[in-house]
PDB file of N, CA and C in Angstrom:
ATOM      1  N   MET A   1      93.851  95.864  80.681  1.00  0.00           N
ATOM      2  CA  MET A   1      93.525  96.559  79.466  1.00  0.00           C
ATOM      3  C   MET A   1      94.145  97.964  79.496  1.00  0.00           C
ATOM      4  N   ILE A   2      94.669  98.394  78.379  1.00  0.00           N
ATOM      5  CA  ILE A   2      95.298  99.704  78.264  1.00  0.00           C
ATOM      6  C   ILE A   2      94.227 100.776  78.151  1.00  0.00           C
ATOM      7  N   PRO A   3      94.281 101.807  79.004  1.00  0.00           N
ATOM      8  CA  PRO A   3      93.313 102.903  78.876  1.00  0.00           C
ATOM      9  C   PRO A   3      93.727 103.830  77.729  1.00  0.00           C
ATOM     10  N   PHE A   4      93.133 103.633  76.549  1.00  0.00           N
ATOM     11  CA  PHE A   4      93.561 104.378  75.367  1.00  0.00           C
ATOM     12  C   PHE A   4      93.275 105.869  75.464  1.00  0.00           C
ATOM     13  N   ASN A   5      92.414 106.293  76.376  1.00  0.00           N
ATOM     14  CA  ASN A   5      92.185 107.725  76.537  1.00  0.00           C
ATOM     15  C   ASN A   5      93.353 108.406  77.263  1.00  0.00           C
ATOM     16  N   ARG A   6      94.343 107.634  77.677  1.00  0.00           N
ATOM     17  CA  ARG A   6      95.541 108.172  78.319  1.00  0.00           C
ATOM     18  C   ARG A   6      96.811 107.939  77.491  1.00  0.00           C
ATOM     19  N   THR A   7      96.643 107.516  76.251  1.00  0.00           N
ATOM     20  CA  THR A   7      97.807 107.203  75.425  1.00  0.00           C
ATOM     21  C   THR A   7      98.029 108.236  74.341  1.00  0.00           C
ATOM     22  N   CYS A   8      99.277 108.287  73.903  1.00  0.00           N
ATOM     23  CA  CYS A   8      99.675 109.184  72.820  1.00  0.00           C
ATOM     24  C   CYS A   8     100.643 108.404  71.933  1.00  0.00           C
ATOM     25  N   PRO A   9     100.334 108.243  70.651  1.00  0.00           N
ATOM     26  CA  PRO A   9     101.249 107.497  69.772  1.00  0.00           C
ATOM     27  C   PRO A   9     102.514 108.300  69.501  1.00  0.00           C
ATOM     28  N   TYR A  10     103.596 107.589  69.207  1.00  0.00           N
ATOM     29  CA  TYR A  10     104.852 108.260  68.881  1.00  0.00           C
ATOM     30  C   TYR A  10     105.603 107.461  67.830  1.00  0.00           C
ATOM     31  N   ASP A  11     106.545 108.138  67.167  1.00  0.00           N
ATOM     32  CA  ASP A  11     107.413 107.515  66.175  1.00  0.00           C
ATOM     33  C   ASP A  11     108.849 107.922  66.470  1.00  0.00           C
ATOM     34  N   ILE A  12     109.773 107.029  66.159  1.00  0.00           N
ATOM     35  CA  ILE A  12     111.201 107.336  66.294  1.00  0.00           C
ATOM     36  C   ILE A  12     111.780 107.464  64.893  1.00  0.00           C
ATOM     37  N   VAL A  13     112.370 108.621  64.616  1.00  0.00           N
ATOM     38  CA  VAL A  13     112.999 108.888  63.329  1.00  0.00           C
ATOM     39  C   VAL A  13     114.418 109.365  63.609  1.00  0.00           C
ATOM     40  N   MET A  14     115.388 108.541  63.256  1.00  0.00           N
ATOM     41  CA  MET A  14     116.808 108.866  63.444  1.00  0.00           C
ATOM     42  C   MET A  14     117.111 109.326  64.875  1.00  0.00           C
ATOM     43  N   LYS A  15     116.648 108.547  65.860  1.00  0.00           N
ATOM     44  CA  LYS A  15     116.852 108.769  67.290  1.00  0.00           C
ATOM     45  C   LYS A  15     116.115 109.980  67.846  1.00  0.00           C
ATOM     46  N   ASP A  16     115.235 110.585  67.060  1.00  0.00           N
ATOM     47  CA  ASP A  16     114.370 111.657  67.543  1.00  0.00           C
ATOM     48  C   ASP A  16     112.970 111.084  67.713  1.00  0.00           C
ATOM     49  N   ILE A  17     112.261 111.569  68.734  1.00  0.00           N
ATOM     50  CA  ILE A  17     110.920 111.071  69.013  1.00  0.00           C
ATOM     51  C   ILE A  17     109.910 112.136  68.605  1.00  0.00           C
ATOM     52  N   TYR A  18     108.977 111.717  67.749  1.00  0.00           N
ATOM     53  CA  TYR A  18     107.940 112.602  67.237  1.00  0.00           C
ATOM     54  C   TYR A  18     106.566 112.091  67.648  1.00  0.00           C
ATOM     55  N   VAL A  19     105.671 113.014  67.942  1.00  0.00           N
ATOM     56  CA  VAL A  19     104.269 112.710  68.157  1.00  0.00           C
ATOM     57  C   VAL A  19     103.548 113.165  66.895  1.00  0.00           C
ATOM     58  N   PRO A  20     102.782 112.288  66.236  1.00  0.00           N
ATOM     59  CA  PRO A  20     102.141 112.671  64.973  1.00  0.00           C
ATOM     60  C   PRO A  20     101.227 113.890  65.100  1.00  0.00           C
ATOM     61  N   GLU A  21     100.560 114.014  66.255  1.00  0.00           N
ATOM     62  CA  GLU A  21      99.684 115.161  66.481  1.00  0.00           C
ATOM     63  C   GLU A  21      99.631 115.450  67.977  1.00  0.00           C
ATOM     64  N   CYS A  22      99.812 116.710  68.344  1.00  0.00           N
ATOM     65  CA  CYS A  22      99.725 117.107  69.748  1.00  0.00           C
ATOM     66  C   CYS A  22      98.292 116.897  70.225  1.00  0.00           C
ATOM     67  N   PRO A  23      98.092 116.215  71.363  1.00  0.00           N
ATOM     68  CA  PRO A  23      96.728 115.981  71.842  1.00  0.00           C
ATOM     69  C   PRO A  23      96.043 117.250  72.352  1.00  0.00           C
ATOM     70  N   PHE A  24      96.801 118.323  72.562  1.00  0.00           N
ATOM     71  CA  PHE A  24      96.239 119.551  73.106  1.00  0.00           C
ATOM     72  C   PHE A  24      95.962 120.619  72.048  1.00  0.00           C
ATOM     73  N   CYS A  25      96.913 120.870  71.161  1.00  0.00           N
ATOM     74  CA  CYS A  25      96.749 121.957  70.187  1.00  0.00           C
ATOM     75  C   CYS A  25      96.656 121.468  68.742  1.00  0.00           C
ATOM     76  N   SER A  26      96.750 120.179  68.517  1.00  0.00           N
ATOM     77  CA  SER A  26      96.649 119.545  67.196  1.00  0.00           C
ATOM     78  C   SER A  26      97.791 119.896  66.246  1.00  0.00           C
ATOM     79  N   ALA A  27      98.910 120.384  66.757  1.00  0.00           N
ATOM     80  CA  ALA A  27     100.074 120.630  65.898  1.00  0.00           C
ATOM     81  C   ALA A  27     100.559 119.293  65.342  1.00  0.00           C
ATOM     82  N   ALA A  28     101.008 119.298  64.097  1.00  0.00           N
ATOM     83  CA  ALA A  28     101.425 118.067  63.428  1.00  0.00           C
ATOM     84  C   ALA A  28     102.917 117.825  63.565  1.00  0.00           C
ATOM     85  N   ASN A  29     103.295 116.550  63.671  1.00  0.00           N
ATOM     86  CA  ASN A  29     104.693 116.106  63.720  1.00  0.00           C
ATOM     87  C   ASN A  29     105.524 116.892  64.728  1.00  0.00           C
ATOM     88  N   VAL A  30     105.174 116.769  65.992  1.00  0.00           N
ATOM     89  CA  VAL A  30     105.830 117.503  67.066  1.00  0.00           C
ATOM     90  C   VAL A  30     107.044 116.718  67.554  1.00  0.00           C
ATOM     91  N   LEU A  31     108.211 117.357  67.496  1.00  0.00           N
ATOM     92  CA  LEU A  31     109.432 116.772  68.043  1.00  0.00           C
ATOM     93  C   LEU A  31     109.404 117.000  69.551  1.00  0.00           C
ATOM     94  N   VAL A  32     109.297 115.917  70.316  1.00  0.00           N
ATOM     95  CA  VAL A  32     109.186 116.053  71.769  1.00  0.00           C
ATOM     96  C   VAL A  32     110.569 115.949  72.416  1.00  0.00           C
ATOM     97  N   PRO A  33     110.767 116.655  73.528  1.00  0.00           N
ATOM     98  CA  PRO A  33     112.069 116.635  74.208  1.00  0.00           C
ATOM     99  C   PRO A  33     112.247 115.369  75.046  1.00  0.00           C
ATOM    100  N   LEU A  34     112.410 114.269  74.353  1.00  0.00           N
ATOM    101  CA  LEU A  34     112.553 112.961  74.978  1.00  0.00           C
ATOM    102  C   LEU A  34     113.596 112.185  74.200  1.00  0.00           C
ATOM    103  N   LYS A  35     114.473 111.516  74.903  1.00  0.00           N
ATOM    104  CA  LYS A  35     115.520 110.731  74.247  1.00  0.00           C
ATOM    105  C   LYS A  35     115.099 109.260  74.208  1.00  0.00           C
ATOM    106  N   THR A  36     115.619 108.554  73.220  1.00  0.00           N
ATOM    107  CA  THR A  36     115.257 107.140  73.090  1.00  0.00           C
ATOM    108  C   THR A  36     115.702 106.332  74.307  1.00  0.00           C
ATOM    109  N   ALA A  37     116.797 106.724  74.940  1.00  0.00           N
ATOM    110  CA  ALA A  37     117.261 106.021  76.134  1.00  0.00           C
ATOM    111  C   ALA A  37     116.292 106.201  77.293  1.00  0.00           C
ATOM    112  N   GLU A  38     115.575 107.310  77.330  1.00  0.00           N
ATOM    113  CA  GLU A  38     114.613 107.561  78.396  1.00  0.00           C
ATOM    114  C   GLU A  38     113.379 106.666  78.271  1.00  0.00           C
ATOM    115  N   LEU A  39     113.101 106.186  77.073  1.00  0.00           N
ATOM    116  CA  LEU A  39     111.963 105.283  76.893  1.00  0.00           C
ATOM    117  C   LEU A  39     112.123 104.017  77.721  1.00  0.00           C
ATOM    118  N   GLN A  40     113.322 103.474  77.771  1.00  0.00           N
ATOM    119  CA  GLN A  40     113.552 102.269  78.564  1.00  0.00           C
ATOM    120  C   GLN A  40     113.377 102.553  80.052  1.00  0.00           C
ATOM    121  N   GLU A  41     113.817 103.729  80.511  1.00  0.00           N
ATOM    122  CA  GLU A  41     113.623 104.100  81.915  1.00  0.00           C
ATOM    123  C   GLU A  41     112.138 104.211  82.249  1.00  0.00           C
ATOM    124  N   ILE A  42     111.354 104.763  81.323  1.00  0.00           N
ATOM    125  CA  ILE A  42     109.912 104.878  81.533  1.00  0.00           C
ATOM    126  C   ILE A  42     109.278 103.494  81.568  1.00  0.00           C
ATOM    127  N   ARG A  43     109.720 102.599  80.688  1.00  0.00           N
ATOM    128  CA  ARG A  43     109.209 101.213  80.684  1.00  0.00           C
ATOM    129  C   ARG A  43     109.531 100.501  81.989  1.00  0.00           C
ATOM    130  N   ASP A  44     110.674 100.860  82.592  1.00  0.00           N
ATOM    131  CA  ASP A  44     111.091 100.228  83.837  1.00  0.00           C
ATOM    132  C   ASP A  44     110.407 100.808  85.063  1.00  0.00           C
ATOM    133  N   GLY A  45     109.515 101.807  84.878  1.00  0.00           N
ATOM    134  CA  GLY A  45     108.746 102.319  85.999  1.00  0.00           C
ATOM    135  C   GLY A  45     109.073 103.735  86.434  1.00  0.00           C
ATOM    136  N   ARG A  46     110.013 104.381  85.797  1.00  0.00           N
ATOM    137  CA  ARG A  46     110.361 105.751  86.166  1.00  0.00           C
ATOM    138  C   ARG A  46     109.396 106.720  85.495  1.00  0.00           C
ATOM    139  N   LYS A  47     108.847 107.660  86.266  1.00  0.00           N
ATOM    140  CA  LYS A  47     107.950 108.664  85.709  1.00  0.00           C
ATOM    141  C   LYS A  47     108.768 109.771  85.051  1.00  0.00           C
ATOM    142  N   LYS A  48     108.195 110.391  84.021  1.00  0.00           N
ATOM    143  CA  LYS A  48     108.892 111.433  83.274  1.00  0.00           C
ATOM    144  C   LYS A  48     107.903 112.535  82.924  1.00  0.00           C
ATOM    145  N   LEU A  49     108.261 113.770  83.215  1.00  0.00           N
ATOM    146  CA  LEU A  49     107.447 114.924  82.833  1.00  0.00           C
ATOM    147  C   LEU A  49     107.764 115.262  81.387  1.00  0.00           C
ATOM    148  N   LEU A  50     106.723 115.351  80.572  1.00  0.00           N
ATOM    149  CA  LEU A  50     106.886 115.698  79.161  1.00  0.00           C
ATOM    150  C   LEU A  50     106.157 117.012  78.911  1.00  0.00           C
ATOM    151  N   VAL A  51     106.889 118.014  78.420  1.00  0.00           N
ATOM    152  CA  VAL A  51     106.307 119.305  78.074  1.00  0.00           C
ATOM    153  C   VAL A  51     106.313 119.406  76.553  1.00  0.00           C
ATOM    154  N   PHE A  52     105.126 119.558  75.981  1.00  0.00           N
ATOM    155  CA  PHE A  52     105.024 119.697  74.532  1.00  0.00           C
ATOM    156  C   PHE A  52     105.550 121.066  74.119  1.00  0.00           C
ATOM    157  N   PRO A  53     106.522 121.130  73.208  1.00  0.00           N
ATOM    158  CA  PRO A  53     107.113 122.416  72.832  1.00  0.00           C
ATOM    159  C   PRO A  53     106.173 123.317  72.031  1.00  0.00           C
ATOM    160  N   CYS A  54     105.131 122.751  71.454  1.00  0.00           N
ATOM    161  CA  CYS A  54     104.215 123.540  70.619  1.00  0.00           C
ATOM    162  C   CYS A  54     103.266 124.392  71.449  1.00  0.00           C
ATOM    163  N   CYS A  55     102.787 123.880  72.568  1.00  0.00           N
ATOM    164  CA  CYS A  55     101.780 124.602  73.354  1.00  0.00           C
ATOM    165  C   CYS A  55     102.103 124.647  74.845  1.00  0.00           C
ATOM    166  N   HIS A  56     103.186 123.999  75.259  1.00  0.00           N
ATOM    167  CA  HIS A  56     103.685 123.994  76.638  1.00  0.00           C
ATOM    168  C   HIS A  56     102.774 123.273  77.637  1.00  0.00           C
ATOM    169  N   HIS A  57     101.882 122.425  77.149  1.00  0.00           N
ATOM    170  CA  HIS A  57     101.106 121.586  78.058  1.00  0.00           C
ATOM    171  C   HIS A  57     102.027 120.497  78.604  1.00  0.00           C
ATOM    172  N   ARG A  58     101.731 120.081  79.825  1.00  0.00           N
ATOM    173  CA  ARG A  58     102.565 119.077  80.487  1.00  0.00           C
ATOM    174  C   ARG A  58     101.758 117.824  80.778  1.00  0.00           C
ATOM    175  N   ILE A  59     102.412 116.677  80.593  1.00  0.00           N
ATOM    176  CA  ILE A  59     101.849 115.403  81.015  1.00  0.00           C
ATOM    177  C   ILE A  59     102.941 114.609  81.716  1.00  0.00           C
ATOM    178  N   THR A  60     102.536 113.732  82.594  1.00  0.00           N
ATOM    179  CA  THR A  60     103.466 112.836  83.272  1.00  0.00           C
ATOM    180  C   THR A  60     103.353 111.467  82.626  1.00  0.00           C
ATOM    181  N   LEU A  61     104.461 110.997  82.080  1.00  0.00           N
ATOM    182  CA  LEU A  61     104.499 109.681  81.444  1.00  0.00           C
ATOM    183  C   LEU A  61     104.764 108.626  82.505  1.00  0.00           C
ATOM    184  N   VAL A  62     103.958 107.572  82.501  1.00  0.00           N
ATOM    185  CA  VAL A  62     104.114 106.507  83.488  1.00  0.00           C
ATOM    186  C   VAL A  62     104.505 105.173  82.869  1.00  0.00           C
ATOM    187  N   ASP A  63     104.349 105.051  81.545  1.00  0.00           N
ATOM    188  CA  ASP A  63     104.722 103.812  80.872  1.00  0.00           C
ATOM    189  C   ASP A  63     104.848 104.094  79.380  1.00  0.00           C
ATOM    190  N   ALA A  64     105.507 103.191  78.687  1.00  0.00           N
ATOM    191  CA  ALA A  64     105.671 103.304  77.233  1.00  0.00           C
ATOM    192  C   ALA A  64     105.852 101.912  76.661  1.00  0.00           C
ATOM    193  N   ASP A  65     105.375 101.746  75.445  1.00  0.00           N
ATOM    194  CA  ASP A  65     105.678 100.527  74.703  1.00  0.00           C
ATOM    195  C   ASP A  65     106.269 100.958  73.371  1.00  0.00           C
ATOM    196  N   SER A  66     106.276 100.087  72.402  1.00  0.00           N
ATOM    197  CA  SER A  66     106.932 100.418  71.136  1.00  0.00           C
ATOM    198  C   SER A  66     106.117 101.375  70.268  1.00  0.00           C
ATOM    199  N   ASP A  67     104.864 101.636  70.634  1.00  0.00           N
ATOM    200  CA  ASP A  67     103.989 102.488  69.822  1.00  0.00           C
ATOM    201  C   ASP A  67     103.381 103.669  70.569  1.00  0.00           C
ATOM    202  N   TYR A  68     103.158 103.526  71.882  1.00  0.00           N
ATOM    203  CA  TYR A  68     102.400 104.514  72.633  1.00  0.00           C
ATOM    204  C   TYR A  68     103.122 104.951  73.900  1.00  0.00           C
ATOM    205  N   LEU A  69     102.867 106.210  74.274  1.00  0.00           N
ATOM    206  CA  LEU A  69     103.269 106.742  75.567  1.00  0.00           C
ATOM    207  C   LEU A  69     102.017 106.770  76.436  1.00  0.00           C
ATOM    208  N   LEU A  70     102.131 106.330  77.689  1.00  0.00           N
ATOM    209  CA  LEU A  70     100.999 106.287  78.593  1.00  0.00           C
ATOM    210  C   LEU A  70     101.138 107.404  79.615  1.00  0.00           C
ATOM    211  N   ALA A  71     100.132 108.268  79.692  1.00  0.00           N
ATOM    212  CA  ALA A  71     100.132 109.390  80.621  1.00  0.00           C
ATOM    213  C   ALA A  71      99.384 109.024  81.897  1.00  0.00           C
ATOM    214  N   SER A  72      99.642 109.781  82.957  1.00  0.00           N
ATOM    215  CA  SER A  72      98.962 109.527  84.223  1.00  0.00           C
ATOM    216  C   SER A  72      97.546 110.086  84.231  1.00  0.00           C
ATOM    217  N   GLU A  73      97.252 111.011  83.311  1.00  0.00           N
ATOM    218  CA  GLU A  73      95.931 111.611  83.259  1.00  0.00           C
ATOM    219  C   GLU A  73      95.312 111.422  81.868  1.00  0.00           C
ATOM    220  N   LYS A  74      94.017 111.645  81.797  1.00  0.00           N
ATOM    221  CA  LYS A  74      93.303 111.511  80.531  1.00  0.00           C
ATOM    222  C   LYS A  74      93.718 112.637  79.589  1.00  0.00           C
ATOM    223  N   LEU A  75      93.958 112.297  78.342  1.00  0.00           N
ATOM    224  CA  LEU A  75      94.334 113.279  77.316  1.00  0.00           C
ATOM    225  C   LEU A  75      93.090 113.697  76.544  1.00  0.00           C
ATOM    226  N   PRO A  76      93.082 114.916  75.996  1.00  0.00           N
ATOM    227  CA  PRO A  76      91.909 115.352  75.226  1.00  0.00           C
ATOM    228  C   PRO A  76      91.682 114.446  74.019  1.00  0.00           C
ATOM    229  N   ASN A  77      90.428 114.256  73.672  1.00  0.00           N
ATOM    230  CA  ASN A  77      90.072 113.451  72.497  1.00  0.00           C
ATOM    231  C   ASN A  77      90.165 114.324  71.263  1.00  0.00           C
ATOM    232  N   ARG A  78      90.993 113.936  70.332  1.00  0.00           N
ATOM    233  CA  ARG A  78      91.133 114.665  69.070  1.00  0.00           C
ATOM    234  C   ARG A  78      90.501 113.837  67.977  1.00  0.00           C
ATOM    235  N   GLY A  79      89.984 114.503  66.957  1.00  0.00           N
ATOM    236  CA  GLY A  79      89.424 113.809  65.814  1.00  0.00           C
ATOM    237  C   GLY A  79      88.029 113.262  66.046  1.00  0.00           C
ATOM    238  N   GLN A  80      87.360 113.671  67.123  1.00  0.00           N
ATOM    239  CA  GLN A  80      85.990 113.198  67.371  1.00  0.00           C
ATOM    240  C   GLN A  80      85.044 114.356  67.362  1.00  0.00           C
TER     241      GLN A  80
END
């Protein structure tokens, strides 16, 4: 089972990766410094440090699918 408290949804728009809302500062439509080619490397088991440009919080990505990025640690709950 996927631990949803460690996931962050993302969208790809013209080869740019956006997070609809930052899990830390709630900034909307954050362009993250991640390339679409890196998603396949993350799916294959390579860890990736992701620094959110809006608030400079860091998470380590351990997996990804077509909708979500999976972090190694629990992300803050937003909207609750």
